[in-house]
Structure formats: structure tokens, C-alpha cells
PDB file of N, CA and C in Angstrom:
ATOM      1  N   MET A   1     -16.133 -26.019  -6.713  1.00  0.00           N
ATOM      2  CA  MET A   1     -16.316 -24.798  -8.012  1.00  0.00           C
ATOM      3  C   MET A   1     -17.591 -23.882  -6.837  1.00  0.00           C
ATOM      4  N   LYS A   2     -18.500 -24.079  -6.326  1.00  0.00           N
ATOM      5  CA  LYS A   2     -19.468 -23.304  -5.808  1.00  0.00           C
ATOM      6  C   LYS A   2     -18.876 -22.048  -4.755  1.00  0.00           C
ATOM      7  N   GLN A   3     -17.547 -23.231  -4.297  1.00  0.00           N
ATOM      8  CA  GLN A   3     -17.631 -21.914  -3.371  1.00  0.00           C
ATOM      9  C   GLN A   3     -16.227 -20.730  -3.654  1.00  0.00           C
ATOM     10  N   GLU A   4     -15.543 -21.017  -5.149  1.00  0.00           N
ATOM     11  CA  GLU A   4     -14.631 -20.393  -5.753  1.00  0.00           C
ATOM     12  C   GLU A   4     -16.011 -19.015  -6.239  1.00  0.00           C
ATOM     13  N   LEU A   5     -16.730 -19.523  -6.859  1.00  0.00           N
ATOM     14  CA  LEU A   5     -18.132 -18.276  -7.612  1.00  0.00           C
ATOM     15  C   LEU A   5     -18.557 -17.328  -6.118  1.00  0.00           C
ATOM     16  N   SER A   6     -18.776 -17.970  -4.861  1.00  0.00           N
ATOM     17  CA  SER A   6     -19.290 -16.444  -3.708  1.00  0.00           C
ATOM     18  C   SER A   6     -17.751 -15.925  -3.597  1.00  0.00           C
ATOM     19  N   GLU A   7     -16.703 -16.006  -3.900  1.00  0.00           N
ATOM     20  CA  GLU A   7     -16.023 -15.214  -3.876  1.00  0.00           C
ATOM     21  C   GLU A   7     -15.642 -14.182  -4.511  1.00  0.00           C
ATOM     22  N   ILE A   8     -16.317 -14.375  -5.642  1.00  0.00           N
ATOM     23  CA  ILE A   8     -16.442 -12.917  -6.819  1.00  0.00           C
ATOM     24  C   ILE A   8     -17.906 -12.263  -6.646  1.00  0.00           C
ATOM     25  N   MET A   9     -17.740 -11.262  -6.206  1.00  0.00           N
ATOM     26  CA  MET A   9     -19.038 -10.114  -5.756  1.00  0.00           C
ATOM     27  C   MET A   9     -18.942  -8.858  -7.191  1.00  0.00           C
ATOM     28  N   THR A  10     -20.162  -9.043  -7.291  1.00  0.00           N
ATOM     29  CA  THR A  10     -20.954  -8.001  -8.489  1.00  0.00           C
ATOM     30  C   THR A  10     -20.850  -6.672  -7.661  1.00  0.00           C
ATOM     31  N   VAL A  11     -20.815  -5.440  -8.610  1.00  0.00           N
ATOM     32  CA  VAL A  11     -21.265  -4.495  -7.662  1.00  0.00           C
ATOM     33  C   VAL A  11     -22.371  -4.418  -6.574  1.00  0.00           C
ATOM     34  N   LYS A  12     -23.500  -4.893  -6.803  1.00  0.00           N
ATOM     35  CA  LYS A  12     -24.641  -4.594  -5.918  1.00  0.00           C
ATOM     36  C   LYS A  12     -23.921  -5.619  -4.743  1.00  0.00           C
ATOM     37  N   GLU A  13     -23.346  -6.711  -5.450  1.00  0.00           N
ATOM     38  CA  GLU A  13     -23.228  -7.313  -3.592  1.00  0.00           C
ATOM     39  C   GLU A  13     -22.091  -6.359  -3.088  1.00  0.00           C
ATOM     40  N   LEU A  14     -21.432  -6.308  -3.492  1.00  0.00           N
ATOM     41  CA  LEU A  14     -20.060  -5.201  -3.086  1.00  0.00           C
ATOM     42  C   LEU A  14     -20.433  -3.738  -2.324  1.00  0.00           C
ATOM     43  N   ALA A  15     -21.355  -3.484  -2.721  1.00  0.00           N
ATOM     44  CA  ALA A  15     -22.039  -2.114  -2.129  1.00  0.00           C
ATOM     45  C   ALA A  15     -22.705  -2.660  -0.706  1.00  0.00           C
ATOM     46  N   SER A  16     -23.719  -3.722  -0.986  1.00  0.00           N
ATOM     47  CA  SER A  16     -23.948  -4.217   0.387  1.00  0.00           C
ATOM     48  C   SER A  16     -23.270  -4.542   1.272  1.00  0.00           C
ATOM     49  N   TYR A  17     -22.073  -5.300   0.982  1.00  0.00           N
ATOM     50  CA  TYR A  17     -20.924  -5.694   1.866  1.00  0.00           C
ATOM     51  C   TYR A  17     -20.310  -4.584   2.455  1.00  0.00           C
ATOM     52  N   LEU A  18     -20.132  -3.235   1.622  1.00  0.00           N
ATOM     53  CA  LEU A  18     -19.317  -1.982   2.264  1.00  0.00           C
ATOM     54  C   LEU A  18     -20.591  -0.965   2.864  1.00  0.00           C
ATOM     55  N   LYS A  19     -21.354  -0.986   2.156  1.00  0.00           N
ATOM     56  CA  LYS A  19     -22.525  -0.180   2.912  1.00  0.00           C
ATOM     57  C   LYS A  19     -22.225   1.005   2.107  1.00  0.00           C
ATOM     58  N   MET A  20     -22.185   1.058   1.294  1.00  0.00           N
ATOM     59  CA  MET A  20     -21.987   1.981   0.172  1.00  0.00           C
ATOM     60  C   MET A  20     -23.118   2.059  -1.344  1.00  0.00           C
ATOM     61  N   LYS A  21     -23.344   2.997  -2.052  1.00  0.00           N
ATOM     62  CA  LYS A  21     -23.998   2.795  -2.966  1.00  0.00           C
ATOM     63  C   LYS A  21     -23.276   2.462  -3.949  1.00  0.00           C
ATOM     64  N   PRO A  22     -24.058   1.674  -5.179  1.00  0.00           N
ATOM     65  CA  PRO A  22     -23.506   1.000  -6.185  1.00  0.00           C
ATOM     66  C   PRO A  22     -22.639   2.029  -7.299  1.00  0.00           C
ATOM     67  N   VAL A  23     -22.817   3.182  -7.351  1.00  0.00           N
ATOM     68  CA  VAL A  23     -22.668   4.452  -8.097  1.00  0.00           C
ATOM     69  C   VAL A  23     -21.040   4.645  -7.589  1.00  0.00           C
ATOM     70  N   THR A  24     -21.283   4.661  -5.920  1.00  0.00           N
ATOM     71  CA  THR A  24     -19.660   4.840  -5.513  1.00  0.00           C
ATOM     72  C   THR A  24     -18.713   3.804  -5.951  1.00  0.00           C
ATOM     73  N   ILE A  25     -19.117   2.370  -5.986  1.00  0.00           N
ATOM     74  CA  ILE A  25     -18.410   1.145  -6.104  1.00  0.00           C
ATOM     75  C   ILE A  25     -18.068   1.754  -7.779  1.00  0.00           C
ATOM     76  N   TYR A  26     -18.927   1.744  -8.428  1.00  0.00           N
ATOM     77  CA  TYR A  26     -17.912   1.967 -10.032  1.00  0.00           C
ATOM     78  C   TYR A  26     -17.118   2.868 -10.041  1.00  0.00           C
ATOM     79  N   LYS A  27     -17.300   3.928  -9.349  1.00  0.00           N
ATOM     80  CA  LYS A  27     -16.291   4.981  -9.188  1.00  0.00           C
ATOM     81  C   LYS A  27     -14.981   4.665  -8.956  1.00  0.00           C
ATOM     82  N   LEU A  28     -14.990   4.133  -7.840  1.00  0.00           N
ATOM     83  CA  LEU A  28     -13.778   3.481  -7.082  1.00  0.00           C
ATOM     84  C   LEU A  28     -13.257   2.378  -8.163  1.00  0.00           C
ATOM     85  N   ALA A  29     -13.658   1.793  -8.930  1.00  0.00           N
ATOM     86  CA  ALA A  29     -13.357   0.696  -9.595  1.00  0.00           C
ATOM     87  C   ALA A  29     -12.916   1.588 -10.623  1.00  0.00           C
ATOM     88  N   LYS A  30     -13.449   2.297 -11.203  1.00  0.00           N
ATOM     89  CA  LYS A  30     -12.874   2.995 -12.812  1.00  0.00           C
ATOM     90  C   LYS A  30     -11.381   3.715 -12.834  1.00  0.00           C
ATOM     91  N   GLN A  31     -11.362   4.039 -10.989  1.00  0.00           N
ATOM     92  CA  GLN A  31     -10.227   4.564 -10.746  1.00  0.00           C
ATOM     93  C   GLN A  31      -9.191   4.155 -10.335  1.00  0.00           C
ATOM     94  N   GLY A  32      -9.518   2.850 -10.565  1.00  0.00           N
ATOM     95  CA  GLY A  32      -8.003   1.769  -9.621  1.00  0.00           C
ATOM     96  C   GLY A  32      -8.077   1.861  -8.571  1.00  0.00           C
ATOM     97  N   LYS A  33      -9.338   2.607  -7.273  1.00  0.00           N
ATOM     98  CA  LYS A  33      -9.052   2.686  -5.960  1.00  0.00           C
ATOM     99  C   LYS A  33      -9.281   1.603  -5.080  1.00  0.00           C
ATOM    100  N   ILE A  34      -9.891   0.635  -6.300  1.00  0.00           N
ATOM    101  CA  ILE A  34     -10.196  -0.291  -5.443  1.00  0.00           C
ATOM    102  C   ILE A  34     -10.019  -1.753  -6.041  1.00  0.00           C
ATOM    103  N   PRO A  35      -9.434  -2.647  -5.626  1.00  0.00           N
ATOM    104  CA  PRO A  35      -9.213  -3.968  -6.807  1.00  0.00           C
ATOM    105  C   PRO A  35     -10.341  -4.372  -7.129  1.00  0.00           C
ATOM    106  N   ALA A  36     -10.535  -4.198  -8.600  1.00  0.00           N
ATOM    107  CA  ALA A  36     -11.730  -5.026  -9.406  1.00  0.00           C
ATOM    108  C   ALA A  36     -10.770  -5.586 -11.274  1.00  0.00           C
ATOM    109  N   PHE A  37     -12.337  -6.334 -11.800  1.00  0.00           N
ATOM    110  CA  PHE A  37     -11.671  -6.460 -12.750  1.00  0.00           C
ATOM    111  C   PHE A  37     -12.761  -6.531 -13.709  1.00  0.00           C
ATOM    112  N   ARG A  38     -12.693  -6.344 -14.879  1.00  0.00           N
ATOM    113  CA  ARG A  38     -13.657  -6.467 -15.805  1.00  0.00           C
ATOM    114  C   ARG A  38     -14.064  -7.817 -16.592  1.00  0.00           C
ATOM    115  N   VAL A  39     -15.414  -8.335 -16.202  1.00  0.00           N
ATOM    116  CA  VAL A  39     -15.522  -9.612 -17.224  1.00  0.00           C
ATOM    117  C   VAL A  39     -17.127  -8.982 -18.045  1.00  0.00           C
ATOM    118  N   ALA A  40     -15.990  -9.159 -19.556  1.00  0.00           N
ATOM    119  CA  ALA A  40     -16.927  -7.950 -20.666  1.00  0.00           C
ATOM    120  C   ALA A  40     -17.098  -6.945 -19.670  1.00  0.00           C
ATOM    121  N   SER A  41     -18.210  -6.349 -20.166  1.00  0.00           N
ATOM    122  CA  SER A  41     -18.670  -4.720 -19.373  1.00  0.00           C
ATOM    123  C   SER A  41     -18.869  -4.933 -17.768  1.00  0.00           C
ATOM    124  N   PHE A  42     -18.899  -5.915 -17.322  1.00  0.00           N
ATOM    125  CA  PHE A  42     -19.384  -6.146 -15.795  1.00  0.00           C
ATOM    126  C   PHE A  42     -18.396  -5.639 -15.132  1.00  0.00           C
ATOM    127  N   TRP A  43     -18.136  -4.903 -13.948  1.00  0.00           N
ATOM    128  CA  TRP A  43     -17.339  -4.747 -12.841  1.00  0.00           C
ATOM    129  C   TRP A  43     -17.198  -6.351 -11.829  1.00  0.00           C
ATOM    130  N   ARG A  44     -16.064  -6.916 -11.186  1.00  0.00           N
ATOM    131  CA  ARG A  44     -16.409  -7.847 -10.443  1.00  0.00           C
ATOM    132  C   ARG A  44     -15.104  -7.970  -9.589  1.00  0.00           C
ATOM    133  N   PHE A  45     -15.506  -8.110  -8.458  1.00  0.00           N
ATOM    134  CA  PHE A  45     -14.502  -8.361  -7.214  1.00  0.00           C
ATOM    135  C   PHE A  45     -14.335  -9.322  -6.043  1.00  0.00           C
ATOM    136  N   LYS A  46     -12.974  -9.690  -6.321  1.00  0.00           N
ATOM    137  CA  LYS A  46     -12.666 -11.135  -5.306  1.00  0.00           C
ATOM    138  C   LYS A  46     -12.310 -10.049  -3.819  1.00  0.00           C
ATOM    139  N   LYS A  47     -13.632 -11.013  -3.139  1.00  0.00           N
ATOM    140  CA  LYS A  47     -13.737 -11.196  -1.931  1.00  0.00           C
ATOM    141  C   LYS A  47     -12.979 -10.983  -0.822  1.00  0.00           C
ATOM    142  N   ASP A  48     -11.267 -12.044  -1.091  1.00  0.00           N
ATOM    143  CA  ASP A  48     -10.372 -11.716  -0.510  1.00  0.00           C
ATOM    144  C   ASP A  48      -9.398 -10.193  -0.855  1.00  0.00           C
ATOM    145  N   LEU A  49      -9.816 -10.242  -1.414  1.00  0.00           N
ATOM    146  CA  LEU A  49      -9.015  -8.737  -2.233  1.00  0.00           C
ATOM    147  C   LEU A  49      -9.402  -7.460  -1.557  1.00  0.00           C
ATOM    148  N   ILE A  50     -10.805  -7.424  -1.536  1.00  0.00           N
ATOM    149  CA  ILE A  50     -11.404  -6.681  -0.827  1.00  0.00           C
ATOM    150  C   ILE A  50     -11.257  -6.396   0.664  1.00  0.00           C
ATOM    151  N   ASP A  51     -11.404  -7.318   1.020  1.00  0.00           N
ATOM    152  CA  ASP A  51     -10.742  -7.696   2.682  1.00  0.00           C
ATOM    153  C   ASP A  51      -9.427  -6.989   2.748  1.00  0.00           C
ATOM    154  N   LYS A  52      -8.455  -7.424   2.013  1.00  0.00           N
ATOM    155  CA  LYS A  52      -6.940  -7.242   1.851  1.00  0.00           C
ATOM    156  C   LYS A  52      -6.919  -5.752   2.384  1.00  0.00           C
ATOM    157  N   TRP A  53      -7.981  -5.093   1.055  1.00  0.00           N
ATOM    158  CA  TRP A  53      -7.892  -3.646   0.720  1.00  0.00           C
ATOM    159  C   TRP A  53      -8.541  -2.965   1.966  1.00  0.00           C
ATOM    160  N   LEU A  54      -9.192  -3.561   2.238  1.00  0.00           N
ATOM    161  CA  LEU A  54      -9.825  -2.730   3.714  1.00  0.00           C
ATOM    162  C   LEU A  54      -8.920  -2.822   5.012  1.00  0.00           C
ATOM    163  N   ASN A  55      -8.503  -3.858   4.998  1.00  0.00           N
ATOM    164  CA  ASN A  55      -7.297  -3.946   6.022  1.00  0.00           C
ATOM    165  C   ASN A  55      -6.251  -2.871   6.085  1.00  0.00           C
ATOM    166  N   GLU A  56      -5.746  -2.921   4.663  1.00  0.00           N
ATOM    167  CA  GLU A  56      -4.842  -1.633   4.244  1.00  0.00           C
ATOM    168  C   GLU A  56      -5.390  -0.513   4.284  1.00  0.00           C
ATOM    169  N   GLU A  57      -6.194  -0.150   4.127  1.00  0.00           N
ATOM    170  CA  GLU A  57      -6.941   1.286   4.399  1.00  0.00           C
ATOM    171  C   GLU A  57      -7.054   1.953   5.109  1.00  0.00           C
ATOM    172  N   THR A  58      -7.976   0.883   6.377  1.00  0.00           N
ATOM    173  CA  THR A  58      -7.806   1.120   7.741  1.00  0.00           C
ATOM    174  C   THR A  58      -6.613   1.554   8.659  1.00  0.00           C
ATOM    175  N   GLN A  59      -5.529   0.414   8.308  1.00  0.00           N
ATOM    176  CA  GLN A  59      -4.341   0.716   8.737  1.00  0.00           C
ATOM    177  C   GLN A  59      -3.409   2.094   8.264  1.00  0.00           C
ATOM    178  N   LYS A  60      -3.836   2.326   7.230  1.00  0.00           N
ATOM    179  CA  LYS A  60      -3.315   3.835   6.619  1.00  0.00           C
ATOM    180  C   LYS A  60      -4.365   5.054   7.593  1.00  0.00           C
ATOM    181  N   HIS A  61      -5.339   4.744   7.616  1.00  0.00           N
ATOM    182  CA  HIS A  61      -6.314   5.638   8.272  1.00  0.00           C
ATOM    183  C   HIS A  61      -5.449   6.276   9.965  1.00  0.00           C
ATOM    184  N   LEU A  62      -5.505   4.670  10.267  1.00  0.00           N
ATOM    185  CA  LEU A  62      -5.070   4.668  12.088  1.00  0.00           C
ATOM    186  C   LEU A  62      -3.691   5.445  11.909  1.00  0.00           C
ATOM    187  N   GLU A  63      -2.682   5.291  10.743  1.00  0.00           N
ATOM    188  CA  GLU A  63      -1.231   5.339  10.832  1.00  0.00           C
ATOM    189  C   GLU A  63      -1.696   7.051  10.761  1.00  0.00           C
ATOM    190  N   ASN A  64      -2.210   7.592  10.027  1.00  0.00           N
ATOM    191  CA  ASN A  64      -2.117   8.875   9.620  1.00  0.00           C
ATOM    192  C   ASN A  64      -2.876   9.610  10.705  1.00  0.00           C
ATOM    193  N   ASN A  65      -3.679   9.117  11.559  1.00  0.00           N
ATOM    194  CA  ASN A  65      -4.498   9.370  12.805  1.00  0.00           C
ATOM    195  C   ASN A  65      -3.034   9.869  13.904  1.00  0.00           C
ATOM    196  N   ARG A  66      -2.329   8.705  14.011  1.00  0.00           N
ATOM    197  CA  ARG A  66      -1.393   8.472  15.218  1.00  0.00           C
ATOM    198  C   ARG A  66      -0.523   9.614  14.835  1.00  0.00           C
ATOM    199  N   LYS A  67      -0.113  10.054  13.523  1.00  0.00           N
ATOM    200  CA  LYS A  67       0.594  10.967  13.056  1.00  0.00           C
ATOM    201  C   LYS A  67       0.401  12.408  13.241  1.00  0.00           C
ATOM    202  N   ASN A  68      -0.825  12.383  13.014  1.00  0.00           N
ATOM    203  CA  ASN A  68      -1.553  13.719  13.326  1.00  0.00           C
ATOM    204  C   ASN A  68      -1.832  14.340  14.561  1.00  0.00           C
ATOM    205  N   ASN A  69      -2.039  13.110  15.671  1.00  0.00           N
ATOM    206  CA  ASN A  69      -2.080  13.346  16.962  1.00  0.00           C
ATOM    207  C   ASN A  69      -0.498  13.760  17.699  1.00  0.00           C
ATOM    208  N   LYS A  70       0.541  13.534  17.080  1.00  0.00           N
ATOM    209  CA  LYS A  70       1.737  13.636  16.945  1.00  0.00           C
ATOM    210  C   LYS A  70       2.391  15.053  17.069  1.00  0.00           C
ATOM    211  N   GLU A  71       1.899  15.060  16.061  1.00  0.00           N
ATOM    212  CA  GLU A  71       2.193  16.431  15.223  1.00  0.00           C
ATOM    213  C   GLU A  71       1.228  17.685  16.408  1.00  0.00           C
ATOM    214  N   SER A  72      -0.069  17.418  16.503  1.00  0.00           N
ATOM    215  CA  SER A  72      -0.909  18.638  17.275  1.00  0.00           C
ATOM    216  C   SER A  72      -0.673  18.815  18.436  1.00  0.00           C
ATOM    217  N   SER A  73       0.079  17.629  19.569  1.00  0.00           N
ATOM    218  CA  SER A  73       0.806  17.481  20.764  1.00  0.00           C
ATOM    219  C   SER A  73       1.745  18.594  20.950  1.00  0.00           C
TER     220      SER A  73
END
């Protein structure tokens, strides 16, 4: 059970993990741009979903860079 709890992150923990400000995390969560869920009035984040989201966003960024480089050549 303890391991499951460590996989759920608060806004402050996620902000530290992503090296962002908590206000940015709130904004992304409210806009649905980052995987999140609410428990009562508190935002929570599953670390495995955040890691998957990071990988997907990185892949999109790399593909866009490749596409832009091909177009400018």
C-alpha cells in the first residue's frame, strides 16, 4: 500500500519533479493538458501517467523539429 501512495503526487511534488512553478501545474491541470484528477478540491497526479505524458510530449517535439528541419532544407 505504501508504494501505491508514493505513486500519487501533489501539485507541489509534481512541480518539483518537473522543475516548474505550482501555478503552472494548476493551469495545465485545469486546462486538461496534463494527466490529473481531483480528490475533493485537491489536484493529484499519478507518476506513471506523468512519465508517459512526458515521453509523448518529448516525442511530439522531436517529430515537429524533424518536420520543420526537412521543410527548411
